[in-house]
Amino acid sequence: MLTLGWSDGATFIPVDFSLLSSKTSQINGISTKIDKRSSGYKRRHEALQSAPDKIPDMIRRALNAGVDASYVLMDTWFTQQPLIKNIKEQGLDVIGMVKNLKQRTLLMVIV
């Protein structure tokens, strides 16, 4: 489960969540018999998306619901350039350790 929450440093309030799964671990996956308009189909379809693909939508829903935020704090697993760019485009700063990848060197200057 992927959870988006708000925190003041002492408390954590869950704001949004997404149930994630892989095609191989699904017990009752998507079939042609399920109506594509149903909540079950939509939830199954959402479960197959990756966590970095879901995060921008979750942040957008939280901001539209009136959640006040200045920055997003996230784990190293999520600190990828496309996701950071998307969050910055929504007007939020990002706090998170950048992965130490041998394939490339990433220099980030945040002003």
PDB file of N, CA and C in Angstrom:
ATOM      1  N   MET A   1       0.838  -1.162   0.000  1.00  0.00           N
ATOM      2  CA  MET A   1       0.000   0.000   0.000  1.00  0.00           C
ATOM      3  C   MET A   1       0.891   1.235   0.000  1.00  0.00           C
ATOM      4  N   LEU A   2       0.583   2.166  -0.856  1.00  0.00           N
ATOM      5  CA  LEU A   2       1.280   3.442  -0.946  1.00  0.00           C
ATOM      6  C   LEU A   2       0.413   4.471  -0.233  1.00  0.00           C
ATOM      7  N   THR A   3       0.974   5.181   0.738  1.00  0.00           N
ATOM      8  CA  THR A   3       0.199   6.136   1.526  1.00  0.00           C
ATOM      9  C   THR A   3       0.807   7.525   1.431  1.00  0.00           C
ATOM     10  N   LEU A   4      -0.037   8.504   1.151  1.00  0.00           N
ATOM     11  CA  LEU A   4       0.353   9.911   1.172  1.00  0.00           C
ATOM     12  C   LEU A   4      -0.240  10.502   2.441  1.00  0.00           C
ATOM     13  N   GLY A   5       0.589  11.186   3.209  1.00  0.00           N
ATOM     14  CA  GLY A   5       0.096  11.736   4.462  1.00  0.00           C
ATOM     15  C   GLY A   5       0.634  13.123   4.725  1.00  0.00           C
ATOM     16  N   TRP A   6       0.007  13.787   5.673  1.00  0.00           N
ATOM     17  CA  TRP A   6       0.427  15.105   6.124  1.00  0.00           C
ATOM     18  C   TRP A   6       0.985  14.957   7.529  1.00  0.00           C
ATOM     19  N   SER A   7       2.066  15.691   7.809  1.00  0.00           N
ATOM     20  CA  SER A   7       2.668  15.602   9.135  1.00  0.00           C
ATOM     21  C   SER A   7       3.142  16.973   9.593  1.00  0.00           C
ATOM     22  N   ASP A   8       3.043  17.197  10.904  1.00  0.00           N
ATOM     23  CA  ASP A   8       3.604  18.403  11.505  1.00  0.00           C
ATOM     24  C   ASP A   8       4.875  18.076  12.286  1.00  0.00           C
ATOM     25  N   GLY A   9       5.375  16.870  12.122  1.00  0.00           N
ATOM     26  CA  GLY A   9       6.567  16.424  12.820  1.00  0.00           C
ATOM     27  C   GLY A   9       6.264  15.572  14.037  1.00  0.00           C
ATOM     28  N   ALA A  10       5.066  15.724  14.571  1.00  0.00           N
ATOM     29  CA  ALA A  10       4.673  14.933  15.739  1.00  0.00           C
ATOM     30  C   ALA A  10       3.545  13.962  15.405  1.00  0.00           C
ATOM     31  N   THR A  11       2.705  14.346  14.469  1.00  0.00           N
ATOM     32  CA  THR A  11       1.573  13.499  14.084  1.00  0.00           C
ATOM     33  C   THR A  11       1.629  13.209  12.592  1.00  0.00           C
ATOM     34  N   PHE A  12       0.981  12.131  12.185  1.00  0.00           N
ATOM     35  CA  PHE A  12       0.884  11.766  10.773  1.00  0.00           C
ATOM     36  C   PHE A  12      -0.583  11.506  10.470  1.00  0.00           C
ATOM     37  N   ILE A  13      -1.100  12.195   9.463  1.00  0.00           N
ATOM     38  CA  ILE A  13      -2.494  12.021   9.070  1.00  0.00           C
ATOM     39  C   ILE A  13      -2.522  11.482   7.647  1.00  0.00           C
ATOM     40  N   PRO A  14      -2.997  10.257   7.435  1.00  0.00           N
ATOM     41  CA  PRO A  14      -3.112   9.730   6.070  1.00  0.00           C
ATOM     42  C   PRO A  14      -4.104  10.570   5.268  1.00  0.00           C
ATOM     43  N   VAL A  15      -3.711  10.941   4.056  1.00  0.00           N
ATOM     44  CA  VAL A  15      -4.546  11.783   3.203  1.00  0.00           C
ATOM     45  C   VAL A  15      -5.067  11.000   2.002  1.00  0.00           C
ATOM     46  N   ASP A  16      -4.247  10.132   1.430  1.00  0.00           N
ATOM     47  CA  ASP A  16      -4.629   9.346   0.255  1.00  0.00           C
ATOM     48  C   ASP A  16      -3.841   8.042   0.282  1.00  0.00           C
ATOM     49  N   PHE A  17      -4.358   7.044  -0.407  1.00  0.00           N
ATOM     50  CA  PHE A  17      -3.650   5.771  -0.480  1.00  0.00           C
ATOM     51  C   PHE A  17      -3.918   5.120  -1.828  1.00  0.00           C
ATOM     52  N   SER A  18      -3.066   4.168  -2.176  1.00  0.00           N
ATOM     53  CA  SER A  18      -3.240   3.389  -3.393  1.00  0.00           C
ATOM     54  C   SER A  18      -2.781   1.964  -3.106  1.00  0.00           C
ATOM     55  N   LEU A  19      -3.642   1.014  -3.401  1.00  0.00           N
ATOM     56  CA  LEU A  19      -3.283  -0.395  -3.245  1.00  0.00           C
ATOM     57  C   LEU A  19      -2.551  -0.831  -4.503  1.00  0.00           C
ATOM     58  N   LEU A  20      -1.325  -1.292  -4.362  1.00  0.00           N
ATOM     59  CA  LEU A  20      -0.505  -1.670  -5.509  1.00  0.00           C
ATOM     60  C   LEU A  20      -0.259  -3.167  -5.519  1.00  0.00           C
ATOM     61  N   SER A  21      -0.113  -3.710  -6.728  1.00  0.00           N
ATOM     62  CA  SER A  21       0.094  -5.143  -6.893  1.00  0.00           C
ATOM     63  C   SER A  21       0.838  -5.372  -8.202  1.00  0.00           C
ATOM     64  N   SER A  22       1.383  -6.553  -8.358  1.00  0.00           N
ATOM     65  CA  SER A  22       1.978  -6.926  -9.638  1.00  0.00           C
ATOM     66  C   SER A  22       1.043  -7.920 -10.324  1.00  0.00           C
ATOM     67  N   LYS A  23       1.217  -8.098 -11.615  1.00  0.00           N
ATOM     68  CA  LYS A  23       0.352  -9.032 -12.343  1.00  0.00           C
ATOM     69  C   LYS A  23       0.489 -10.451 -11.808  1.00  0.00           C
ATOM     70  N   THR A  24       1.683 -10.805 -11.358  1.00  0.00           N
ATOM     71  CA  THR A  24       1.905 -12.174 -10.885  1.00  0.00           C
ATOM     72  C   THR A  24       1.328 -12.424  -9.493  1.00  0.00           C
ATOM     73  N   SER A  25       1.175 -11.377  -8.692  1.00  0.00           N
ATOM     74  CA  SER A  25       0.681 -11.582  -7.329  1.00  0.00           C
ATOM     75  C   SER A  25      -0.819 -11.334  -7.175  1.00  0.00           C
ATOM     76  N   GLN A  26      -1.501 -11.023  -8.255  1.00  0.00           N
ATOM     77  CA  GLN A  26      -2.943 -10.784  -8.166  1.00  0.00           C
ATOM     78  C   GLN A  26      -3.700 -12.089  -7.986  1.00  0.00           C
ATOM     79  N   ILE A  27      -4.660 -12.077  -7.090  1.00  0.00           N
ATOM     80  CA  ILE A  27      -5.503 -13.248  -6.874  1.00  0.00           C
ATOM     81  C   ILE A  27      -6.686 -13.221  -7.832  1.00  0.00           C
ATOM     82  N   ASN A  28      -7.311 -12.068  -7.956  1.00  0.00           N
ATOM     83  CA  ASN A  28      -8.472 -11.912  -8.824  1.00  0.00           C
ATOM     84  C   ASN A  28      -8.220 -10.703  -9.720  1.00  0.00           C
ATOM     85  N   GLY A  29      -7.484 -10.895 -10.808  1.00  0.00           N
ATOM     86  CA  GLY A  29      -7.064  -9.802 -11.668  1.00  0.00           C
ATOM     87  C   GLY A  29      -8.144  -9.298 -12.603  1.00  0.00           C
ATOM     88  N   ILE A  30      -7.729  -8.479 -13.553  1.00  0.00           N
ATOM     89  CA  ILE A  30      -8.651  -7.897 -14.531  1.00  0.00           C
ATOM     90  C   ILE A  30      -9.043  -8.964 -15.544  1.00  0.00           C
ATOM     91  N   SER A  31     -10.337  -9.065 -15.795  1.00  0.00           N
ATOM     92  CA  SER A  31     -10.823  -9.980 -16.826  1.00  0.00           C
ATOM     93  C   SER A  31     -11.779  -9.221 -17.736  1.00  0.00           C
ATOM     94  N   THR A  32     -12.073  -9.794 -18.877  1.00  0.00           N
ATOM     95  CA  THR A  32     -12.970  -9.146 -19.838  1.00  0.00           C
ATOM     96  C   THR A  32     -14.413  -9.130 -19.345  1.00  0.00           C
ATOM     97  N   LYS A  33     -14.724  -9.930 -18.334  1.00  0.00           N
ATOM     98  CA  LYS A  33     -16.088  -9.990 -17.799  1.00  0.00           C
ATOM     99  C   LYS A  33     -16.417  -8.802 -16.889  1.00  0.00           C
ATOM    100  N   ILE A  34     -15.402  -8.099 -16.424  1.00  0.00           N
ATOM    101  CA  ILE A  34     -15.624  -6.990 -15.496  1.00  0.00           C
ATOM    102  C   ILE A  34     -15.959  -5.723 -16.286  1.00  0.00           C
ATOM    103  N   ASP A  35     -17.020  -5.047 -15.881  1.00  0.00           N
ATOM    104  CA  ASP A  35     -17.423  -3.790 -16.514  1.00  0.00           C
ATOM    105  C   ASP A  35     -16.353  -2.728 -16.250  1.00  0.00           C
ATOM    106  N   LYS A  36     -15.853  -2.097 -17.307  1.00  0.00           N
ATOM    107  CA  LYS A  36     -14.772  -1.119 -17.173  1.00  0.00           C
ATOM    108  C   LYS A  36     -15.206   0.139 -16.430  1.00  0.00           C
ATOM    109  N   ARG A  37     -16.498   0.333 -16.267  1.00  0.00           N
ATOM    110  CA  ARG A  37     -17.001   1.502 -15.540  1.00  0.00           C
ATOM    111  C   ARG A  37     -17.089   1.249 -14.043  1.00  0.00           C
ATOM    112  N   SER A  38     -16.908   0.024 -13.624  1.00  0.00           N
ATOM    113  CA  SER A  38     -17.082  -0.323 -12.211  1.00  0.00           C
ATOM    114  C   SER A  38     -15.876   0.111 -11.371  1.00  0.00           C
ATOM    115  N   SER A  39     -16.135   0.299 -10.085  1.00  0.00           N
ATOM    116  CA  SER A  39     -15.058   0.668  -9.153  1.00  0.00           C
ATOM    117  C   SER A  39     -14.022  -0.448  -9.047  1.00  0.00           C
ATOM    118  N   GLY A  40     -14.485  -1.699  -9.122  1.00  0.00           N
ATOM    119  CA  GLY A  40     -13.571  -2.835  -9.042  1.00  0.00           C
ATOM    120  C   GLY A  40     -12.571  -2.852 -10.183  1.00  0.00           C
ATOM    121  N   TYR A  41     -13.043  -2.578 -11.400  1.00  0.00           N
ATOM    122  CA  TYR A  41     -12.145  -2.535 -12.554  1.00  0.00           C
ATOM    123  C   TYR A  41     -11.138  -1.402 -12.383  1.00  0.00           C
ATOM    124  N   LYS A  42     -11.626  -0.232 -11.977  1.00  0.00           N
ATOM    125  CA  LYS A  42     -10.740   0.925 -11.822  1.00  0.00           C
ATOM    126  C   LYS A  42      -9.681   0.663 -10.754  1.00  0.00           C
ATOM    127  N   ARG A  43     -10.077   0.027  -9.648  1.00  0.00           N
ATOM    128  CA  ARG A  43      -9.137  -0.282  -8.573  1.00  0.00           C
ATOM    129  C   ARG A  43      -8.104  -1.308  -9.034  1.00  0.00           C
ATOM    130  N   ARG A  44      -8.539  -2.316  -9.794  1.00  0.00           N
ATOM    131  CA  ARG A  44      -7.598  -3.324 -10.314  1.00  0.00           C
ATOM    132  C   ARG A  44      -6.616  -2.690 -11.294  1.00  0.00           C
ATOM    133  N   HIS A  45      -7.119  -1.795 -12.142  1.00  0.00           N
ATOM    134  CA  HIS A  45      -6.266  -1.115 -13.116  1.00  0.00           C
ATOM    135  C   HIS A  45      -5.240  -0.231 -12.391  1.00  0.00           C
ATOM    136  N   GLU A  46      -5.687   0.484 -11.375  1.00  0.00           N
ATOM    137  CA  GLU A  46      -4.793   1.340 -10.595  1.00  0.00           C
ATOM    138  C   GLU A  46      -3.721   0.527  -9.877  1.00  0.00           C
ATOM    139  N   ALA A  47      -4.073  -0.669  -9.431  1.00  0.00           N
ATOM    140  CA  ALA A  47      -3.139  -1.511  -8.679  1.00  0.00           C
ATOM    141  C   ALA A  47      -1.943  -1.943  -9.518  1.00  0.00           C
ATOM    142  N   LEU A  48      -2.095  -1.962 -10.837  1.00  0.00           N
ATOM    143  CA  LEU A  48      -1.008  -2.402 -11.712  1.00  0.00           C
ATOM    144  C   LEU A  48      -0.038  -1.281 -12.075  1.00  0.00           C
ATOM    145  N   GLN A  49      -0.361  -0.040 -11.715  1.00  0.00           N
ATOM    146  CA  GLN A  49       0.540   1.066 -12.007  1.00  0.00           C
ATOM    147  C   GLN A  49       1.671   1.083 -10.976  1.00  0.00           C
ATOM    148  N   SER A  50       2.779   1.690 -11.353  1.00  0.00           N
ATOM    149  CA  SER A  50       3.914   1.759 -10.427  1.00  0.00           C
ATOM    150  C   SER A  50       3.708   2.904  -9.433  1.00  0.00           C
ATOM    151  N   ALA A  51       4.357   2.799  -8.302  1.00  0.00           N
ATOM    152  CA  ALA A  51       4.226   3.824  -7.264  1.00  0.00           C
ATOM    153  C   ALA A  51       4.650   5.210  -7.760  1.00  0.00           C
ATOM    154  N   PRO A  52       5.792   5.350  -8.459  1.00  0.00           N
ATOM    155  CA  PRO A  52       6.157   6.682  -8.947  1.00  0.00           C
ATOM    156  C   PRO A  52       5.148   7.272  -9.933  1.00  0.00           C
ATOM    157  N   ASP A  53       4.400   6.432 -10.624  1.00  0.00           N
ATOM    158  CA  ASP A  53       3.372   6.938 -11.539  1.00  0.00           C
ATOM    159  C   ASP A  53       2.133   7.412 -10.789  1.00  0.00           C
ATOM    160  N   LYS A  54       1.875   6.856  -9.616  1.00  0.00           N
ATOM    161  CA  LYS A  54       0.687   7.199  -8.834  1.00  0.00           C
ATOM    162  C   LYS A  54       0.880   8.452  -7.985  1.00  0.00           C
ATOM    163  N   ILE A  55       2.095   8.726  -7.565  1.00  0.00           N
ATOM    164  CA  ILE A  55       2.352   9.813  -6.618  1.00  0.00           C
ATOM    165  C   ILE A  55       1.877  11.182  -7.111  1.00  0.00           C
ATOM    166  N   PRO A  56       2.155  11.601  -8.353  1.00  0.00           N
ATOM    167  CA  PRO A  56       1.672  12.927  -8.781  1.00  0.00           C
ATOM    168  C   PRO A  56       0.153  13.075  -8.692  1.00  0.00           C
ATOM    169  N   ASP A  57      -0.589  12.035  -9.047  1.00  0.00           N
ATOM    170  CA  ASP A  57      -2.051  12.092  -8.947  1.00  0.00           C
ATOM    171  C   ASP A  57      -2.495  12.201  -7.492  1.00  0.00           C
ATOM    172  N   MET A  58      -1.830  11.477  -6.611  1.00  0.00           N
ATOM    173  CA  MET A  58      -2.181  11.522  -5.192  1.00  0.00           C
ATOM    174  C   MET A  58      -1.928  12.920  -4.619  1.00  0.00           C
ATOM    175  N   ILE A  59      -0.812  13.525  -4.996  1.00  0.00           N
ATOM    176  CA  ILE A  59      -0.496  14.877  -4.530  1.00  0.00           C
ATOM    177  C   ILE A  59      -1.513  15.869  -5.077  1.00  0.00           C
ATOM    178  N   ARG A  60      -1.850  15.742  -6.341  1.00  0.00           N
ATOM    179  CA  ARG A  60      -2.826  16.636  -6.974  1.00  0.00           C
ATOM    180  C   ARG A  60      -4.184  16.551  -6.260  1.00  0.00           C
ATOM    181  N   ARG A  61      -4.630  15.326  -5.957  1.00  0.00           N
ATOM    182  CA  ARG A  61      -5.908  15.164  -5.257  1.00  0.00           C
ATOM    183  C   ARG A  61      -5.862  15.800  -3.867  1.00  0.00           C
ATOM    184  N   ALA A  62      -4.743  15.635  -3.176  1.00  0.00           N
ATOM    185  CA  ALA A  62      -4.620  16.209  -1.830  1.00  0.00           C
ATOM    186  C   ALA A  62      -4.648  17.735  -1.880  1.00  0.00           C
ATOM    187  N   LEU A  63      -3.921  18.323  -2.815  1.00  0.00           N
ATOM    188  CA  LEU A  63      -3.908  19.780  -2.937  1.00  0.00           C
ATOM    189  C   LEU A  63      -5.288  20.307  -3.319  1.00  0.00           C
ATOM    190  N   ASN A  64      -5.974  19.608  -4.226  1.00  0.00           N
ATOM    191  CA  ASN A  64      -7.324  20.025  -4.630  1.00  0.00           C
ATOM    192  C   ASN A  64      -8.326  19.901  -3.483  1.00  0.00           C
ATOM    193  N   ALA A  65      -8.066  18.997  -2.554  1.00  0.00           N
ATOM    194  CA  ALA A  65      -8.953  18.811  -1.402  1.00  0.00           C
ATOM    195  C   ALA A  65      -8.680  19.838  -0.297  1.00  0.00           C
ATOM    196  N   GLY A  66      -7.667  20.677  -0.493  1.00  0.00           N
ATOM    197  CA  GLY A  66      -7.391  21.735   0.472  1.00  0.00           C
ATOM    198  C   GLY A  66      -6.263  21.455   1.440  1.00  0.00           C
ATOM    199  N   VAL A  67      -5.515  20.384   1.229  1.00  0.00           N
ATOM    200  CA  VAL A  67      -4.371  20.095   2.099  1.00  0.00           C
ATOM    201  C   VAL A  67      -3.282  21.127   1.814  1.00  0.00           C
ATOM    202  N   ASP A  68      -2.787  21.774   2.849  1.00  0.00           N
ATOM    203  CA  ASP A  68      -1.759  22.800   2.712  1.00  0.00           C
ATOM    204  C   ASP A  68      -0.384  22.156   2.887  1.00  0.00           C
ATOM    205  N   ALA A  69       0.457  22.271   1.868  1.00  0.00           N
ATOM    206  CA  ALA A  69       1.794  21.673   1.925  1.00  0.00           C
ATOM    207  C   ALA A  69       2.803  22.597   1.253  1.00  0.00           C
ATOM    208  N   SER A  70       4.021  22.587   1.761  1.00  0.00           N
ATOM    209  CA  SER A  70       5.113  23.362   1.180  1.00  0.00           C
ATOM    210  C   SER A  70       6.122  22.470   0.481  1.00  0.00           C
ATOM    211  N   TYR A  71       6.221  21.229   0.946  1.00  0.00           N
ATOM    212  CA  TYR A  71       7.196  20.313   0.373  1.00  0.00           C
ATOM    213  C   TYR A  71       6.714  18.879   0.505  1.00  0.00           C
ATOM    214  N   VAL A  72       7.390  17.996  -0.246  1.00  0.00           N
ATOM    215  CA  VAL A  72       7.123  16.559  -0.197  1.00  0.00           C
ATOM    216  C   VAL A  72       8.394  15.884   0.306  1.00  0.00           C
ATOM    217  N   LEU A  73       8.269  15.113   1.365  1.00  0.00           N
ATOM    218  CA  LEU A  73       9.379  14.336   1.916  1.00  0.00           C
ATOM    219  C   LEU A  73       9.186  12.899   1.472  1.00  0.00           C
ATOM    220  N   MET A  74      10.208  12.323   0.836  1.00  0.00           N
ATOM    221  CA  MET A  74      10.041  10.961   0.333  1.00  0.00           C
ATOM    222  C   MET A  74      11.307  10.142   0.487  1.00  0.00           C
ATOM    223  N   ASP A  75      11.131   8.852   0.385  1.00  0.00           N
ATOM    224  CA  ASP A  75      12.193   7.871   0.518  1.00  0.00           C
ATOM    225  C   ASP A  75      13.098   7.891  -0.717  1.00  0.00           C
ATOM    226  N   THR A  76      14.299   7.382  -0.567  1.00  0.00           N
ATOM    227  CA  THR A  76      15.259   7.306  -1.667  1.00  0.00           C
ATOM    228  C   THR A  76      14.698   6.567  -2.878  1.00  0.00           C
ATOM    229  N   TRP A  77      13.841   5.591  -2.631  1.00  0.00           N
ATOM    230  CA  TRP A  77      13.288   4.787  -3.726  1.00  0.00           C
ATOM    231  C   TRP A  77      12.515   5.652  -4.717  1.00  0.00           C
ATOM    232  N   PHE A  78      11.942   6.767  -4.254  1.00  0.00           N
ATOM    233  CA  PHE A  78      11.107   7.607  -5.108  1.00  0.00           C
ATOM    234  C   PHE A  78      11.848   8.786  -5.721  1.00  0.00           C
ATOM    235  N   THR A  79      13.052   9.084  -5.291  1.00  0.00           N
ATOM    236  CA  THR A  79      13.747  10.278  -5.777  1.00  0.00           C
ATOM    237  C   THR A  79      14.328  10.030  -7.159  1.00  0.00           C
ATOM    238  N   GLN A  80      13.465  10.117  -8.134  1.00  0.00           N
ATOM    239  CA  GLN A  80      13.841   9.971  -9.539  1.00  0.00           C
ATOM    240  C   GLN A  80      13.530  11.283 -10.245  1.00  0.00           C
ATOM    241  N   GLN A  81      14.341  11.635 -11.224  1.00  0.00           N
ATOM    242  CA  GLN A  81      14.228  12.932 -11.878  1.00  0.00           C
ATOM    243  C   GLN A  81      12.834  13.217 -12.432  1.00  0.00           C
ATOM    244  N   PRO A  82      12.177  12.295 -13.138  1.00  0.00           N
ATOM    245  CA  PRO A  82      10.843  12.630 -13.666  1.00  0.00           C
ATOM    246  C   PRO A  82       9.823  12.929 -12.563  1.00  0.00           C
ATOM    247  N   LEU A  83       9.885  12.195 -11.469  1.00  0.00           N
ATOM    248  CA  LEU A  83       8.941  12.417 -10.371  1.00  0.00           C
ATOM    249  C   LEU A  83       9.235  13.740  -9.671  1.00  0.00           C
ATOM    250  N   ILE A  84      10.504  14.035  -9.434  1.00  0.00           N
ATOM    251  CA  ILE A  84      10.872  15.302  -8.798  1.00  0.00           C
ATOM    252  C   ILE A  84      10.417  16.468  -9.662  1.00  0.00           C
ATOM    253  N   LYS A  85      10.619  16.362 -10.957  1.00  0.00           N
ATOM    254  CA  LYS A  85      10.195  17.422 -11.888  1.00  0.00           C
ATOM    255  C   LYS A  85       8.687  17.615 -11.825  1.00  0.00           C
ATOM    256  N   ASN A  86       7.942  16.530 -11.815  1.00  0.00           N
ATOM    257  CA  ASN A  86       6.485  16.613 -11.764  1.00  0.00           C
ATOM    258  C   ASN A  86       6.010  17.283 -10.476  1.00  0.00           C
ATOM    259  N   ILE A  87       6.625  16.948  -9.364  1.00  0.00           N
ATOM    260  CA  ILE A  87       6.238  17.549  -8.084  1.00  0.00           C
ATOM    261  C   ILE A  87       6.584  19.033  -8.067  1.00  0.00           C
ATOM    262  N   LYS A  88       7.752  19.399  -8.591  1.00  0.00           N
ATOM    263  CA  LYS A  88       8.140  20.811  -8.659  1.00  0.00           C
ATOM    264  C   LYS A  88       7.168  21.598  -9.531  1.00  0.00           C
ATOM    265  N   GLU A  89       6.665  20.978 -10.612  1.00  0.00           N
ATOM    266  CA  GLU A  89       5.692  21.646 -11.486  1.00  0.00           C
ATOM    267  C   GLU A  89       4.368  21.900 -10.767  1.00  0.00           C
ATOM    268  N   GLN A  90       4.106  21.151  -9.702  1.00  0.00           N
ATOM    269  CA  GLN A  90       2.896  21.367  -8.909  1.00  0.00           C
ATOM    270  C   GLN A  90       3.108  22.434  -7.832  1.00  0.00           C
ATOM    271  N   GLY A  91       4.305  23.028  -7.805  1.00  0.00           N
ATOM    272  CA  GLY A  91       4.584  24.119  -6.881  1.00  0.00           C
ATOM    273  C   GLY A  91       5.092  23.699  -5.518  1.00  0.00           C
ATOM    274  N   LEU A  92       5.548  22.466  -5.395  1.00  0.00           N
ATOM    275  CA  LEU A  92       6.050  21.972  -4.112  1.00  0.00           C
ATOM    276  C   LEU A  92       7.546  21.690  -4.208  1.00  0.00           C
ATOM    277  N   ASP A  93       8.247  21.881  -3.102  1.00  0.00           N
ATOM    278  CA  ASP A  93       9.653  21.500  -3.028  1.00  0.00           C
ATOM    279  C   ASP A  93       9.742  20.027  -2.660  1.00  0.00           C
ATOM    280  N   VAL A  94      10.912  19.433  -2.912  1.00  0.00           N
ATOM    281  CA  VAL A  94      11.110  18.006  -2.656  1.00  0.00           C
ATOM    282  C   VAL A  94      12.282  17.822  -1.707  1.00  0.00           C
ATOM    283  N   ILE A  95      12.090  16.983  -0.698  1.00  0.00           N
ATOM    284  CA  ILE A  95      13.165  16.612   0.218  1.00  0.00           C
ATOM    285  C   ILE A  95      13.308  15.098   0.153  1.00  0.00           C
ATOM    286  N   GLY A  96      14.505  14.639  -0.161  1.00  0.00           N
ATOM    287  CA  GLY A  96      14.762  13.206  -0.234  1.00  0.00           C
ATOM    288  C   GLY A  96      16.188  12.962  -0.670  1.00  0.00           C
ATOM    289  N   MET A  97      16.773  11.902  -0.188  1.00  0.00           N
ATOM    290  CA  MET A  97      18.127  11.553  -0.605  1.00  0.00           C
ATOM    291  C   MET A  97      18.089  11.025  -2.031  1.00  0.00           C
ATOM    292  N   VAL A  98      19.058  11.437  -2.825  1.00  0.00           N
ATOM    293  CA  VAL A  98      19.149  10.986  -4.207  1.00  0.00           C
ATOM    294  C   VAL A  98      19.894   9.661  -4.225  1.00  0.00           C
ATOM    295  N   LYS A  99      19.436   8.753  -5.062  1.00  0.00           N
ATOM    296  CA  LYS A  99      20.084   7.447  -5.169  1.00  0.00           C
ATOM    297  C   LYS A  99      21.509   7.602  -5.674  1.00  0.00           C
ATOM    298  N   ASN A 100      22.395   6.781  -5.180  1.00  0.00           N
ATOM    299  CA  ASN A 100      23.776   6.762  -5.629  1.00  0.00           C
ATOM    300  C   ASN A 100      23.892   5.702  -6.722  1.00  0.00           C
ATOM    301  N   LEU A 101      23.643   6.108  -7.956  1.00  0.00           N
ATOM    302  CA  LEU A 101      23.681   5.177  -9.078  1.00  0.00           C
ATOM    303  C   LEU A 101      25.025   5.257  -9.786  1.00  0.00           C
ATOM    304  N   LYS A 102      25.554   4.128 -10.185  1.00  0.00           N
ATOM    305  CA  LYS A 102      26.832   4.098 -10.891  1.00  0.00           C
ATOM    306  C   LYS A 102      26.673   4.493 -12.357  1.00  0.00           C
ATOM    307  N   GLN A 103      25.452   4.405 -12.893  1.00  0.00           N
ATOM    308  CA  GLN A 103      25.226   4.676 -14.306  1.00  0.00           C
ATOM    309  C   GLN A 103      25.355   6.157 -14.644  1.00  0.00           C
ATOM    310  N   ARG A 104      25.061   7.027 -13.700  1.00  0.00           N
ATOM    311  CA  ARG A 104      25.088   8.453 -14.004  1.00  0.00           C
ATOM    312  C   ARG A 104      25.348   9.247 -12.736  1.00  0.00           C
ATOM    313  N   THR A 105      25.744  10.479 -12.946  1.00  0.00           N
ATOM    314  CA  THR A 105      25.925  11.399 -11.841  1.00  0.00           C
ATOM    315  C   THR A 105      24.877  12.481 -11.980  1.00  0.00           C
ATOM    316  N   LEU A 106      24.170  12.757 -10.924  1.00  0.00           N
ATOM    317  CA  LEU A 106      23.091  13.729 -10.953  1.00  0.00           C
ATOM    318  C   LEU A 106      23.451  14.887 -10.041  1.00  0.00           C
ATOM    319  N   LEU A 107      23.483  16.076 -10.608  1.00  0.00           N
ATOM    320  CA  LEU A 107      23.737  17.272  -9.826  1.00  0.00           C
ATOM    321  C   LEU A 107      22.439  18.052  -9.758  1.00  0.00           C
ATOM    322  N   MET A 108      21.944  18.245  -8.549  1.00  0.00           N
ATOM    323  CA  MET A 108      20.690  18.974  -8.384  1.00  0.00           C
ATOM    324  C   MET A 108      20.961  20.242  -7.599  1.00  0.00           C
ATOM    325  N   VAL A 109      20.595  21.361  -8.171  1.00  0.00           N
ATOM    326  CA  VAL A 109      20.706  22.632  -7.480  1.00  0.00           C
ATOM    327  C   VAL A 109      19.295  23.170  -7.327  1.00  0.00           C
ATOM    328  N   ILE A 110      18.838  23.272  -6.093  1.00  0.00           N
ATOM    329  CA  ILE A 110      17.499  23.783  -5.826  1.00  0.00           C
ATOM    330  C   ILE A 110      17.652  25.148  -5.181  1.00  0.00           C
ATOM    331  N   VAL A 111      17.111  26.130  -5.839  1.00  0.00           N
ATOM    332  CA  VAL A 111      17.229  27.505  -5.348  1.00  0.00           C
ATOM    333  C   VAL A 111      15.956  27.925  -4.664  1.00  0.00           C
TER     334      VAL A 111
END
